[in-house]
Protein backbone atom coordinates (compact mmCIF):
# COMPACT_ATOMS: atom_id res chain seq x y z
CA MET A 1 -0.04 0.05 0.02
CA ILE A 2 1.05 3.68 -0.26
CA LEU A 3 0.96 6.03 2.71
CA ARG A 4 1.27 9.71 2.24
CA VAL A 5 3.17 11.55 4.93
CA ARG A 6 2.96 15.42 4.96
CA THR A 7 5.95 17.24 6.52
CA LYS A 8 7.31 20.78 6.65
CA ASP A 9 9.66 19.70 3.84
CA GLY A 10 6.74 18.52 1.60
CA MET A 11 4.61 15.48 1.06
CA PHE A 12 6.13 11.94 0.49
CA ARG A 13 4.55 8.84 -0.76
CA LEU A 14 5.98 5.77 1.07
CA THR A 15 5.33 2.09 -0.06
CA VAL A 16 4.73 -0.71 2.55
CA ASN A 17 3.08 -4.12 2.88
CA ASP A 18 0.00 -4.08 5.04
CA GLY A 19 1.60 -6.89 7.03
CA GLY A 20 4.90 -4.92 7.32
CA LYS A 21 6.21 -3.06 10.34
CA PHE A 22 5.36 0.59 10.71
CA MET A 23 9.08 1.29 11.37
CA ASP A 24 9.55 0.45 7.69
CA VAL A 25 7.59 3.45 6.94
CA VAL A 26 9.58 5.56 9.36
CA ASN A 27 12.88 4.43 7.99
CA GLN A 28 11.69 5.46 4.42
CA LEU A 29 10.75 8.83 5.77
CA TYR A 30 14.20 9.33 7.33
CA GLU A 31 15.73 8.61 3.88
CA LYS A 32 13.57 11.50 2.55
CA ILE A 33 14.02 14.03 5.27
CA GLY A 34 17.53 13.28 6.44
CA SER A 35 18.97 14.35 9.68
CA VAL A 36 16.10 15.22 12.12
CA GLU A 37 15.29 15.17 15.86
CA ASN A 38 12.09 14.56 17.91
CA LEU A 39 10.21 12.96 15.14
CA THR A 40 6.53 12.50 15.89
CA ILE A 41 3.67 11.23 13.77
CA SER A 42 -0.04 11.79 13.95
CA ASP A 43 -3.17 10.96 11.81
CA LYS A 44 -4.49 14.49 12.33
CA PRO A 45 -3.11 17.86 11.01
CA GLY A 46 -1.94 20.21 13.83
CA ASP A 47 -1.68 17.40 16.33
CA LYS A 48 1.72 16.63 17.51
CA GLY A 49 0.94 12.95 17.78
CA LYS A 50 3.28 10.25 19.25
CA SER A 51 7.06 9.79 19.12
CA VAL A 52 8.09 7.03 16.58
CA VAL A 53 9.62 5.18 19.46
CA GLU A 54 6.13 4.45 20.87
CA PHE A 55 5.12 2.49 17.64
CA GLY A 56 7.70 -0.15 18.49
CA ASP A 57 7.05 -3.41 16.49
CA LEU A 58 3.59 -2.41 15.46
CA GLU A 59 2.43 -3.81 12.15
CA VAL A 60 0.70 -1.44 9.60
CA LYS A 61 -2.53 -3.50 9.56
CA GLU A 62 -2.73 -3.26 13.51
CA MET A 63 -2.70 0.42 13.22
CA GLY A 64 -5.83 0.47 10.95
CA LEU A 65 -4.13 2.24 8.14
CA LYS A 66 -5.36 1.84 4.61
CA ASN A 67 -3.97 2.44 1.07
CA GLY A 68 -3.72 6.18 0.48
CA ASP A 69 -4.00 7.29 4.20
CA MET A 70 -2.61 10.71 5.18
CA LEU A 71 -0.14 11.02 8.13
CA PHE A 72 1.42 14.11 9.51
CA ALA A 73 4.96 14.29 10.69
CA SER A 74 6.71 16.94 12.84
CA TYR A 75 10.25 17.23 13.73
CA GLU A 76 13.18 19.46 14.42
CA SER A 77 16.29 19.85 12.13
CA GLY A 78 19.16 17.74 13.48
CA ASN A 79 22.65 18.89 13.99
CA LYS A 80 24.60 15.71 14.63
CA PRO A 81 27.57 14.50 12.64
CA ALA A 82 26.88 12.17 9.76
CA ASN A 83 26.39 8.35 10.42
CA ASP A 84 25.44 9.06 13.98
CA ASN A 85 22.46 6.88 14.55
CA ASP A 86 21.16 6.83 18.09
CA VAL A 87 18.16 6.65 20.38
CA ASP A 88 17.80 9.37 22.96
CA MET A 89 15.89 7.53 25.66
CA ASN A 90 15.44 10.79 27.84
CA SER A 91 13.44 12.70 25.03
CA GLY A 92 11.77 9.53 23.65
CA SER A 93 12.79 10.41 20.19
CA VAL A 94 14.85 8.71 17.37
CA SER A 95 17.52 10.79 15.71
CA ILE A 96 19.13 9.45 12.61
CA SER A 97 21.65 11.81 11.18
CA LYS A 98 22.56 11.30 7.47
CA PRO A 99 24.73 13.28 5.22
CA SER A 100 23.12 15.12 2.27
CA ILE A 101 22.81 13.70 -1.14
CA ALA A 102 25.70 15.73 -2.38
CA GLN A 103 28.01 13.86 -0.03
CA SER A 104 29.75 10.69 -1.51
CA LYS A 105 28.65 8.54 1.28
CA THR A 106 25.45 7.94 3.21
CA ALA A 107 23.95 5.05 5.15
CA VAL A 108 21.05 3.62 3.21
CA SER A 109 19.58 0.13 4.22
CA GLY A 110 22.73 -0.76 6.04
CA LYS A 111 24.89 -0.29 2.81
CA ALA A 112 27.20 2.45 1.87
CA PHE A 113 25.63 4.75 -0.74
CA GLU A 114 28.40 5.79 -3.01
CA GLU A 115 27.73 8.52 -5.55
CA LEU A 116 30.71 9.09 -8.09
CA PRO A 117 31.79 12.47 -9.08
CA ILE A 118 30.53 12.00 -12.61
CA ASP A 119 26.99 11.49 -11.32
CA LYS A 120 27.21 14.69 -9.18
CA TYR A 121 28.56 16.68 -12.17
CA LEU A 122 25.90 15.40 -14.73
CA ASP A 123 23.05 15.77 -12.16
CA SER A 124 23.87 19.43 -11.99
CA GLN A 125 23.80 19.93 -15.84
CA ASN A 126 20.77 20.71 -17.69
CA GLY A 127 22.10 19.12 -20.85
CA LEU A 128 20.29 21.39 -23.25
CA ILE A 129 21.30 21.19 -26.87
CA LYS A 130 22.14 24.61 -28.05
CA ARG A 131 21.05 25.71 -31.64
CA ASN A 132 22.34 28.58 -33.72
CA LYS A 133 20.08 31.24 -35.25
CA SER A 134 18.50 30.01 -38.48
CA ASN A 135 17.13 31.50 -41.71
CA LEU A 136 13.74 30.96 -40.20
CA CYS A 137 14.32 33.16 -37.35
CA ARG A 138 12.70 36.71 -37.43
CA HIS A 139 14.35 38.21 -34.32
CA GLY A 140 17.62 39.90 -33.28
CA ASP A 141 20.73 38.29 -32.11
CA LYS A 142 19.51 38.40 -28.52
CA GLY A 143 16.18 36.87 -29.12
CA MET A 144 14.92 33.37 -29.27
CA CYS A 145 12.11 31.45 -30.98
CA GLU A 146 11.08 27.84 -31.62
CA TYR A 147 13.65 27.54 -34.39
CA CYS A 148 16.66 28.17 -32.31
CA ALA A 149 15.55 27.51 -28.75
CA PRO A 150 17.73 24.77 -27.07
CA LEU A 151 16.43 21.39 -27.34
CA PRO A 152 16.16 18.88 -24.34
CA PRO A 153 18.94 16.25 -24.13
CA TRP A 154 16.41 13.54 -25.14
CA ASP A 155 15.11 15.07 -28.35
CA LYS A 156 14.34 12.33 -30.80
CA ASP A 157 15.03 14.27 -33.94
CA TYR A 158 18.38 15.29 -32.81
CA LYS A 159 19.33 11.83 -31.79
CA GLU A 160 18.26 10.57 -35.17
CA SER A 161 20.26 13.29 -37.06
CA GLN A 162 23.40 12.62 -35.13
CA GLY A 163 23.05 8.84 -35.49
CA ILE A 164 22.88 8.32 -31.87
CA LYS A 165 21.52 4.90 -31.30
CA HIS A 166 20.93 5.19 -27.38
CA LEU A 167 20.07 7.94 -25.03
CA SER A 168 22.72 8.65 -22.47
CA PHE A 169 21.58 7.37 -18.88
CA TYR A 170 21.23 11.13 -17.58
CA ALA A 171 19.29 12.31 -20.76
CA TYR A 172 16.90 9.30 -20.10
CA LEU A 173 16.77 10.02 -16.39
CA LYS A 174 15.95 13.72 -16.93
CA GLN A 175 13.42 12.86 -19.40
CA LEU A 176 11.77 10.27 -16.99
CA ASN A 177 11.91 12.66 -14.04
CA ASP A 178 10.31 15.40 -16.26
CA SER A 179 7.43 13.24 -16.99
CA LYS A 180 6.92 11.80 -13.56
CA ASN A 181 7.50 14.82 -11.24
CA ASN A 182 6.01 18.24 -11.61
CA LYS A 183 8.61 20.91 -10.93
CA ASN A 184 5.99 23.29 -9.58
CA ASN A 185 4.71 20.66 -7.09
CA ALA A 186 7.58 19.69 -4.68
CA THR A 187 5.25 18.20 -2.25
CA SER A 188 4.68 15.02 -4.32
CA TYR A 189 7.85 13.28 -5.56
CA MET A 190 8.23 9.87 -7.05
CA ALA A 191 11.57 8.23 -7.49
CA PRO A 192 11.78 8.05 -11.41
CA LEU A 193 13.86 4.83 -11.51
CA ASP A 194 12.51 1.46 -10.65
CA GLU A 195 14.41 -1.74 -11.42
CA PRO A 196 12.33 -4.62 -12.73
CA ASN A 197 12.02 -7.70 -10.31
CA TYR A 198 11.06 -10.96 -12.00
CA ALA A 199 11.32 -13.09 -8.91
CA VAL A 200 8.24 -14.56 -7.11
CA ASP A 201 7.55 -12.99 -3.80
CA LYS A 202 7.84 -15.77 -1.24
CA LYS A 203 6.79 -13.48 1.63
CA CYS A 204 3.40 -12.56 0.19
CA THR A 205 0.97 -11.41 2.78
CA ALA A 206 -2.23 -12.25 0.78
CA GLY A 207 -3.30 -15.08 3.10
CA HIS A 208 -1.96 -18.10 1.16
CA LEU A 209 0.87 -20.51 1.62
CA PRO A 210 4.25 -19.32 0.17
CA TYR A 211 5.22 -20.33 -3.24
CA PRO A 212 5.32 -23.15 -4.49
CA LYS A 213 2.41 -24.34 -2.39
CA GLY A 214 0.51 -20.98 -3.22
CA ILE A 215 0.60 -18.08 -5.57
CA CYS A 216 -1.54 -15.12 -6.43
CA SER A 217 -1.57 -12.08 -8.71
CA LYS A 218 0.07 -10.05 -6.05
CA CYS A 219 3.19 -12.28 -5.64
CA GLN A 220 3.83 -13.62 -9.00
CA PRO A 221 5.94 -11.54 -11.44
CA SER A 222 4.00 -10.05 -14.43
CA VAL A 223 4.37 -11.07 -18.07
CA ILE A 224 7.77 -10.02 -19.48
CA SER A 225 7.87 -8.16 -22.73
CA LEU A 226 11.50 -7.90 -24.14
CA GLN A 227 12.54 -4.95 -26.16
CA GLN A 228 15.81 -3.36 -26.90
CA GLN A 229 16.89 -0.84 -24.36
CA SER A 230 16.57 2.73 -25.43
CA PHE A 231 19.31 4.10 -23.14
CA ARG A 232 22.81 2.92 -22.03
CA MET A 233 24.53 3.54 -18.68
CA VAL A 234 27.79 4.28 -20.39
CA ASP A 235 28.21 5.55 -23.92
CA HIS A 236 31.79 5.09 -24.68
CA VAL A 237 34.92 3.19 -23.61
CA MET A 238 38.18 5.19 -24.06
CA PHE A 239 41.50 3.57 -23.62
CA SER A 240 43.86 6.40 -22.41
CA ASP A 241 46.57 4.97 -24.84
CA SER A 242 46.81 2.33 -27.59
CA SER A 243 49.77 0.60 -25.82
CA ILE A 244 47.39 -0.54 -22.96
CA LEU A 245 45.36 -2.63 -25.40
CA ASN A 246 48.45 -3.69 -27.54
CA ASN A 247 50.39 -4.98 -24.47
CA PHE A 248 47.24 -6.96 -23.47
CA ILE A 249 46.97 -8.51 -27.08
CA ASP A 250 50.66 -9.46 -27.00
CA SER A 251 49.86 -12.36 -24.69
CA TRP A 252 47.74 -13.84 -27.58
CA ARG A 253 50.35 -12.95 -30.12
CA SER A 254 53.10 -14.72 -28.09
CA SER A 255 51.08 -17.81 -27.12
CA GLY A 256 47.97 -18.13 -29.27
CA THR A 257 45.91 -18.66 -26.23
CA GLN A 258 43.09 -16.27 -24.95
CA ARG A 259 43.46 -13.62 -22.37
CA TYR A 260 41.34 -11.98 -19.66
CA GLY A 261 41.73 -8.66 -17.86
CA ILE A 262 40.15 -6.28 -15.62
CA LEU A 263 39.86 -2.68 -16.79
CA TYR A 264 40.70 0.04 -14.21
CA GLY A 265 39.94 3.67 -14.79
CA SER A 266 37.32 6.19 -14.06
CA TYR A 267 34.12 7.52 -15.42
CA GLU A 268 34.16 10.84 -17.07
CA SER A 269 31.93 13.22 -19.16
CA TYR A 270 31.55 12.27 -22.81
CA ASP A 271 30.58 15.32 -25.02
CA LYS A 272 29.71 13.30 -28.21
CA VAL A 273 26.37 12.74 -26.83
CA PRO A 274 24.17 14.96 -24.57
CA LEU A 275 25.02 14.23 -20.93
CA GLY A 276 27.29 11.30 -21.99
CA ILE A 277 29.53 9.11 -19.77
CA LYS A 278 32.67 7.41 -20.94
CA ALA A 279 34.74 4.85 -19.02
CA ASN A 280 38.31 6.01 -19.36
CA VAL A 281 40.77 3.01 -19.02
CA GLU A 282 44.17 3.66 -17.52
CA PHE A 283 45.45 0.13 -17.17
CA ILE A 284 44.36 -3.57 -17.51
CA TYR A 285 45.28 -5.98 -14.73
CA GLU A 286 45.36 -9.70 -15.62
CA PRO A 287 44.26 -11.85 -12.77
CA PRO A 288 45.51 -15.43 -12.35
CA GLN A 289 44.06 -17.60 -15.24
CA SER A 290 44.54 -20.67 -17.17
CA ASP A 291 44.48 -19.74 -20.86
CA GLU A 292 43.54 -22.09 -23.71
CA LEU A 293 43.14 -21.72 -27.57
CA ASP A 294 39.30 -21.44 -27.33
CA GLY A 295 38.72 -20.06 -23.92
CA LEU A 296 40.17 -19.69 -20.34
CA THR A 297 39.61 -20.45 -16.73
CA LEU A 298 39.82 -17.93 -14.09
CA LEU A 299 41.76 -18.95 -10.84
CA ASP A 300 41.73 -17.63 -7.36
CA TRP A 301 42.66 -13.96 -7.31
CA SER A 302 44.22 -13.74 -3.76
CA ASN A 303 45.47 -10.06 -4.13
CA GLU A 304 42.28 -8.41 -5.54
CA LYS A 305 41.92 -6.17 -2.53
CA ASP A 306 45.44 -4.92 -2.70
CA VAL A 307 45.13 -4.17 -6.48
CA ASP A 308 42.01 -2.25 -5.60
CA ALA A 309 43.55 -0.39 -2.75
CA LEU A 310 46.63 0.71 -4.71
CA ALA A 311 44.40 1.73 -7.82
CA ALA A 312 42.27 3.81 -5.31
CA GLN A 313 45.28 5.92 -4.31
CA PHE A 314 45.33 7.16 -7.87
CA GLY A 315 41.57 7.75 -7.99
CA LEU A 316 41.05 4.53 -10.08
CA TYR A 317 38.60 1.66 -9.71
CA LYS A 318 37.24 -1.34 -11.83
CA VAL A 319 35.13 -0.09 -14.76
CA GLY A 320 34.86 -3.24 -16.71
CA VAL A 321 36.42 -6.51 -18.02
CA ILE A 322 38.09 -7.44 -21.21
CA PHE A 323 38.84 -10.65 -22.84
CA THR A 324 40.19 -11.93 -26.28
CA ASP A 325 38.52 -14.24 -28.84
CA LEU A 326 41.15 -14.33 -31.59
CA THR A 327 42.00 -16.98 -34.24
CA ASP A 328 44.69 -16.38 -36.76
CA SER A 329 43.36 -16.44 -40.36
CA GLY A 330 46.33 -18.59 -41.55
CA MET A 331 47.18 -16.07 -44.31
CA LYS A 332 50.44 -14.97 -42.70
CA ASN A 333 49.47 -11.28 -42.99
CA GLY A 334 48.59 -10.49 -39.43
CA THR A 335 44.77 -10.76 -39.99
CA VAL A 336 42.49 -12.86 -37.85
CA LEU A 337 39.24 -14.56 -38.42
CA CYS A 338 35.97 -12.56 -38.13
CA LYS A 339 33.71 -14.73 -35.94
CA ARG A 340 31.39 -12.12 -34.47
CA HIS A 341 29.11 -10.37 -36.74
CA LYS A 342 25.35 -9.75 -37.31
CA ASP A 343 24.84 -13.23 -38.83
CA SER A 344 26.40 -15.06 -35.85
CA TYR A 345 26.58 -13.19 -32.48
CA PHE A 346 28.34 -10.30 -30.83
CA LEU A 347 28.40 -11.73 -27.36
CA SER A 348 27.66 -15.40 -26.76
CA CYS A 349 24.90 -16.45 -24.29
CA LEU A 350 27.60 -17.42 -21.70
CA GLU A 351 29.23 -14.13 -22.02
CA VAL A 352 25.96 -12.11 -21.60
CA LEU A 353 25.36 -14.10 -18.34
CA MET A 354 28.92 -13.29 -17.30
CA ALA A 355 28.26 -9.56 -18.09
CA GLY A 356 25.07 -9.55 -16.24
CA ARG A 357 26.57 -11.04 -13.17
CA ASN A 358 29.36 -8.59 -13.21
CA GLN A 359 26.82 -5.64 -13.55
CA LEU A 360 24.82 -7.06 -10.60
CA LYS A 361 28.06 -7.29 -8.59
CA TYR A 362 28.95 -3.59 -9.36
CA PRO A 363 25.68 -1.71 -9.21
CA ASN A 364 25.24 1.85 -10.16
CA ARG A 365 24.47 3.98 -6.98
CA THR A 366 21.85 6.73 -7.53
CA LYS A 367 19.51 8.82 -5.39
CA TYR A 368 16.93 8.61 -8.07
CA SER A 369 15.90 4.99 -6.99
CA ASN A 370 14.05 3.83 -3.86
CA SER A 371 16.69 1.12 -3.51
CA LYS A 372 19.43 3.71 -4.14
CA GLU A 373 20.65 1.36 -6.95
CA PHE A 374 19.87 1.21 -10.74
CA SER A 375 21.57 -1.02 -13.34
CA SER A 376 25.45 -0.77 -13.61
CA LYS A 377 28.21 1.30 -15.31
CA PHE A 378 30.34 -1.91 -15.51
CA VAL A 379 31.37 -2.64 -19.18
CA THR A 380 32.38 -5.73 -21.11
CA CYS A 381 34.96 -5.46 -23.97
CA VAL A 382 35.90 -8.35 -26.37
CA VAL A 383 38.77 -8.16 -28.72
CA SER A 384 38.04 -10.13 -31.87
CA GLY A 385 38.33 -10.11 -35.63
CA GLY A 386 36.60 -7.30 -37.66
CA LEU A 387 35.15 -7.77 -41.13
CA ASN A 388 38.44 -7.00 -42.77
CA GLY A 389 40.37 -9.27 -40.43
CA ASP A 390 41.69 -6.53 -38.23
CA ILE A 391 42.03 -7.08 -34.57
CA GLU A 392 39.25 -4.71 -32.96
CA PRO A 393 37.87 -4.08 -29.62
CA ARG A 394 34.05 -4.01 -29.16
CA SER A 395 32.33 -2.83 -26.03
CA TYR A 396 28.84 -3.84 -24.55
CA GLN A 397 26.61 -3.88 -21.55
CA VAL A 398 23.43 -5.78 -20.97
CA SER A 399 20.20 -4.29 -20.35
CA VAL A 400 18.31 -3.61 -17.06
CA ASN A 401 15.94 -6.49 -18.20
CA ALA A 402 18.93 -8.88 -18.64
CA GLU A 403 20.16 -8.09 -15.05
CA ALA A 404 16.64 -8.88 -13.71
CA LEU A 405 16.21 -11.95 -15.67
CA ILE A 406 19.78 -13.19 -14.41
CA LYS A 407 18.98 -12.25 -10.80
CA ALA A 408 15.61 -14.10 -10.87
CA ASP A 409 17.29 -17.16 -12.53
CA VAL A 410 14.68 -16.95 -15.39
CA ILE A 411 17.49 -17.38 -18.20
CA THR A 412 20.35 -19.73 -18.78
CA SER A 413 22.80 -20.40 -21.63
CA SER A 414 21.89 -22.58 -24.63
CA THR A 415 23.77 -24.67 -27.27
CA GLN A 416 23.41 -21.92 -29.70
CA PRO A 417 25.64 -18.86 -28.79
CA SER A 418 23.13 -16.51 -30.26
CA MET A 419 20.10 -17.71 -28.24
CA MET A 420 19.16 -17.52 -24.52
CA TYR A 421 17.31 -20.51 -22.99
CA ILE A 422 14.35 -19.75 -20.54
CA ASN A 423 14.29 -21.89 -17.51
CA GLU A 424 11.32 -23.87 -16.44
CA SER A 425 9.50 -23.02 -13.19
CA ASN A 426 10.46 -25.23 -10.10
CA ASN A 427 10.04 -25.10 -6.33
CA GLU A 428 12.41 -22.20 -6.14
CA ARG A 429 11.58 -20.00 -9.16
CA TYR A 430 8.25 -19.10 -10.87
CA VAL A 431 8.87 -18.20 -14.56
CA PRO A 432 6.17 -16.12 -16.19
CA ASP A 433 5.45 -15.84 -19.80
CA VAL A 434 8.10 -14.03 -21.84
CA PHE A 435 7.41 -12.33 -25.11
CA TYR A 436 9.37 -10.34 -27.67
CA SER A 437 8.57 -8.48 -30.96
CA LYS A 438 9.94 -9.39 -34.17
CA ILE A 439 9.33 -8.69 -37.94
CA ASN A 440 7.62 -11.72 -39.59
CA GLU A 441 7.84 -12.94 -43.26
CA TYR A 442 5.23 -10.47 -44.32
CA GLY A 443 7.17 -7.39 -42.86
CA LEU A 444 4.69 -6.95 -39.85
CA GLU A 445 5.78 -6.58 -36.32
CA VAL A 446 4.41 -9.49 -34.24
CA LYS A 447 4.70 -10.47 -30.66
CA THR A 448 6.29 -13.86 -30.30
CA ASN A 449 6.52 -16.29 -27.22
CA ALA A 450 10.15 -16.32 -26.23
CA LYS A 451 9.97 -19.89 -24.84
CA PRO A 452 12.07 -22.03 -25.08
CA ALA A 453 14.71 -19.68 -26.31
CA PHE A 454 15.12 -16.14 -27.74
CA PRO A 455 17.85 -13.99 -29.59
CA ILE A 456 20.37 -12.50 -27.18
CA ASP A 457 20.16 -9.19 -29.15
CA TYR A 458 17.08 -8.13 -26.96
CA LEU A 459 19.53 -8.03 -24.08
CA LEU A 460 22.59 -6.33 -25.62
CA VAL A 461 23.42 -2.52 -25.29
CA THR A 462 26.23 -1.51 -27.70
CA LEU A 463 28.88 0.97 -26.80
CA SER A 464 31.50 2.80 -28.82
CA ASP A 465 35.18 2.82 -28.20
CA SER A 466 38.37 4.64 -29.24
CA PHE A 467 41.79 5.90 -28.37
CA PRO A 468 42.41 9.59 -27.81
CA LEU A 469 44.01 11.64 -30.61
CA GLU A 470 46.47 13.19 -28.04
CA PRO A 471 47.03 10.48 -25.56
CA LYS A 472 47.71 11.61 -22.03
CA PRO A 473 47.90 8.33 -20.01
CA LEU A 474 48.51 8.41 -16.27
CA PHE A 475 50.97 5.41 -16.46
CA ASN A 476 53.28 6.41 -19.41
CA SER A 477 56.48 4.64 -18.45
CA PRO A 478 58.86 4.42 -21.60
CA HIS A 479 59.70 0.80 -20.84
CA GLY A 480 56.99 -1.38 -19.37
CA TYR A 481 57.69 -3.94 -16.60
CA ILE A 482 56.69 -7.53 -16.86
CA ILE A 483 52.79 -7.85 -16.64
CA GLU A 484 51.60 -10.01 -13.82
CA ASN A 485 50.69 -13.69 -14.15
CA ARG A 486 52.44 -14.42 -17.36
CA GLU A 487 54.90 -17.07 -16.24
CA PHE A 488 53.57 -19.38 -18.99
CA LEU A 489 55.32 -17.03 -21.39
CA GLY A 490 58.59 -17.32 -19.49
CA GLU A 491 58.12 -13.81 -17.82
CA SER A 492 58.13 -13.53 -14.16
CA GLN A 493 58.01 -10.77 -11.63
CA ASN A 494 60.58 -11.16 -9.03
CA LEU A 495 63.25 -9.17 -7.09
CA SER A 496 65.76 -10.00 -9.73
CA THR A 497 63.88 -8.76 -12.82
CA LEU A 498 62.65 -5.75 -10.60
CA TYR A 499 66.32 -4.81 -9.91
CA LYS A 500 67.27 -5.13 -13.48
CA HIS A 501 64.35 -2.88 -14.72
CA LEU A 502 65.06 -0.13 -12.19
CA ASN A 503 68.80 -0.30 -12.54
CA ASN A 504 68.68 0.07 -16.34
CA ASP A 505 66.17 2.97 -16.34
CA ILE A 506 65.67 4.80 -13.11
CA GLY A 507 66.85 8.07 -14.74
CA ASP A 508 64.22 10.72 -14.09
CA GLY A 509 61.89 8.32 -12.33
CA LYS A 510 59.54 7.80 -15.44
CA VAL A 511 60.05 4.05 -14.92
CA LEU A 512 57.77 4.36 -12.01
CA PHE A 513 54.83 5.39 -14.16
CA ASP A 514 53.86 1.73 -14.67
CA PHE A 515 51.01 0.31 -12.63
CA HIS A 516 52.30 -3.48 -13.10
CA LEU A 517 55.63 -2.35 -11.62
CA LEU A 518 54.00 -0.49 -8.71
CA MET A 519 51.79 -3.29 -7.85
CA TYR A 520 54.55 -5.84 -7.64
CA LEU A 521 56.72 -3.31 -5.58
CA TYR A 522 53.50 -2.84 -3.41
CA SER A 523 53.41 -6.55 -2.80
CA THR A 524 57.00 -6.78 -1.46
CA ASN A 525 56.02 -4.61 1.56
CA ILE A 526 59.45 -2.99 1.58
CA LEU A 527 58.52 0.61 1.29
CA HIS A 528 56.76 2.39 3.99
CA LYS A 529 53.65 4.48 3.92
CA GLU A 530 55.63 7.77 3.58
CA GLU A 531 57.53 6.46 0.60
CA TRP A 532 54.26 5.37 -1.12
CA GLU A 533 52.78 8.99 -0.65
CA LEU A 534 55.78 10.27 -2.57
CA ILE A 535 55.44 7.71 -5.32
CA VAL A 536 51.68 8.33 -5.72
CA ASN A 537 52.08 12.06 -5.72
CA PHE A 538 55.16 11.92 -8.23
CA VAL A 539 53.07 9.75 -10.62
CA LYS A 540 50.01 11.89 -10.33
CA SER A 541 51.63 15.24 -10.55
CA GLY A 542 55.20 14.58 -12.07
CA ASN A 543 56.75 16.70 -9.45
CA LYS A 544 60.53 16.04 -9.45
CA GLU A 545 60.98 17.11 -5.80
CA ASP A 546 58.76 14.11 -4.79
CA PHE A 547 61.03 11.74 -6.75
CA MET A 548 64.32 13.26 -5.24
CA LYS A 549 62.82 12.84 -1.71
CA LEU A 550 61.81 9.11 -2.65
CA ILE A 551 65.21 8.16 -3.78
CA GLU A 552 66.87 9.76 -0.74
CA SER A 553 64.48 8.18 1.71
CA PRO A 554 65.49 5.29 3.93
CA GLY A 555 62.89 3.00 2.69
CA TRP A 556 64.06 3.42 -0.87
CA MET A 557 67.64 2.93 0.02
CA SER A 558 66.66 -0.33 1.85
CA LEU A 559 64.89 -1.41 -1.35
CA ILE A 560 67.87 -0.90 -3.49
CA THR A 561 70.07 -2.73 -0.85
CA ILE A 562 67.65 -5.78 -0.86
CA LEU A 563 67.43 -5.88 -4.67
CA GLU A 564 71.34 -5.72 -4.98
CA ASN A 565 71.73 -8.66 -2.67
CA SER A 566 69.00 -10.63 -4.46
CA SER A 567 70.51 -10.18 -7.96
C-alpha cells in the first residue's frame, strides 16, 4: 500500500506491505528528510501525535491504516555528525543523522551509498542542446524562438540526425523525471527509476501459503515483454593509450591462447552525446588464469583487494572486463578470423550471463531510485576480428531487463551462442510468460512467445570505443615492466627482474609510471607509507621534488640494498 506523509519539507509517498512493520515507513521517511530530531507522527493535522519510538514493532494493519491514508509528521532539524544513529531515551525520540545527497557516502539500508563524481556533475547539468540562429528566425541576435531555442537532451530528432542509437543515462533520467514529477509541485515526488523484479515474492501477505504451495496475482511476476533498451548507462569506452590494449593482446600474439583482464580507470563526461558518460581505462590488470586456445579458466585472485587499494590511491577503480577471442586467419599477413557479426553473434549467451553477473556485482548508485541502486556502469569488452580481418575491441553492456532475468534465474545459456534459453518453473523459481517482438515474413511486427529460447540481441546494449587523438595516460613509462601472471610466457615478476628494470632505467623516475611495476613493488611490503605517498604524488603530478625525496628516503635505500643482494 501507499501511505502519504505530510511534513514541513513537503509530502512524501511511502510504500509498505499491510503486514509490514510501521518502522519500515519511518525508515523510508528518514531517507527522505535526512537528519532530524524529535520525530513524531499523527493522523490529524496540527496534532503533535506520538514519538516514533512508541510505535515499536506495531504492524501497519494493527494501526488500521489503509492504502492512500495521510499521516502528518513533525520534527526538528538535527545537527549531529553524519552516520550518527542513536536513540535518545530521555526525550523519547529517535535521531538518525545522514549526510546530504551531495556527499559521496551515506547510510542507506545498512549499505554504503556511494555517488561518483561524474554523477554529481551530470546531475547538476541541464544538458540542453544549443542551436544557432537559422534562416527561419525573425528576431535579433539576443532573441530566441522555436527554431533556435535549445532542445532537451532526449530530443528524438536530434538523436536521429546525429546517428545516436541510445540515449545517455542522464538524458533518459531527466526525461523520466520530467514526466513523473511536476517541478511546480515539490510536495509530491516519485523516484523516477525502478528496477524490474522478475522473482516470485515468497513473503506474500495475501493469506496463502508461500510459493510453490500457493501463488496469487500479487506475488507472481508479471508477463515479461522484451525489447531493446533505449538508453545506455555508459556511452563510450576510451583506452587512454593504444599501448594498453596492445600490451594486453601481446599475450595472444606470443602464445595463441586467449586472455582475460580487468579494466581499471574512471568515469568521465563524454561530450559526443548529450550528458554522456565514458569509461576512461588507465590500465588492464590480468588476474590469475589458465588460458587455452578457445577459452580460459579464471583462478583464485588472492590479491584483488590489494590491487583495488593501490588503484584507489590514484583515484581509479574497476570499470569493466576485457577478454580476447582471436584466431589467426592462416594467411600469414597478421589478419584474424571474423567470428562475431550480425549473422552470428556479438556476445555469446555465456558471455551475456557473465556480463550481467558482473553488472549485478557492481551496481550503479543513484539517489533517483528507492533502492538507491539502478543497473550498472560496468562494461564488457571483447577483442576479436573485424570484417576486414583487423583486431578490434568491441564494447557492450547488458540491459536492465537482462540483469533482472539473471537475478531471478529466469534465463540460462543454450547450445546456440546467439540464443538464450528460458528456464522452467520449479520449487524455487516461478517463470512467467516471456514475449518479444519481431518482424515476420510479411514485414509485420508481431509479438512472439520467447520460450524455449530467444535471440540475445534483446539483452545487448552496444557502446562505442576509441583511443584519444592526443594520449595523456597516467601510466606512461617508456619501458613497461613485466605484466603479472604471465609465467607461462617465461616472464616472471621477481626481485631480480625488478632490480634489472630499475637499474637500467631509473633516470628521471619515469620508470615508476607503470602500474604493473608499482603493484609488484607494493606486494613486497618493503616501502613504508611515507615512501608510497611520495610515489603516488610523483606519478599523479610529475613533481621532481617528490622523486628526489623518494630516492633519498631510508625505505628506498633499503629497497635498493635488498634488490642488489638478491641479484
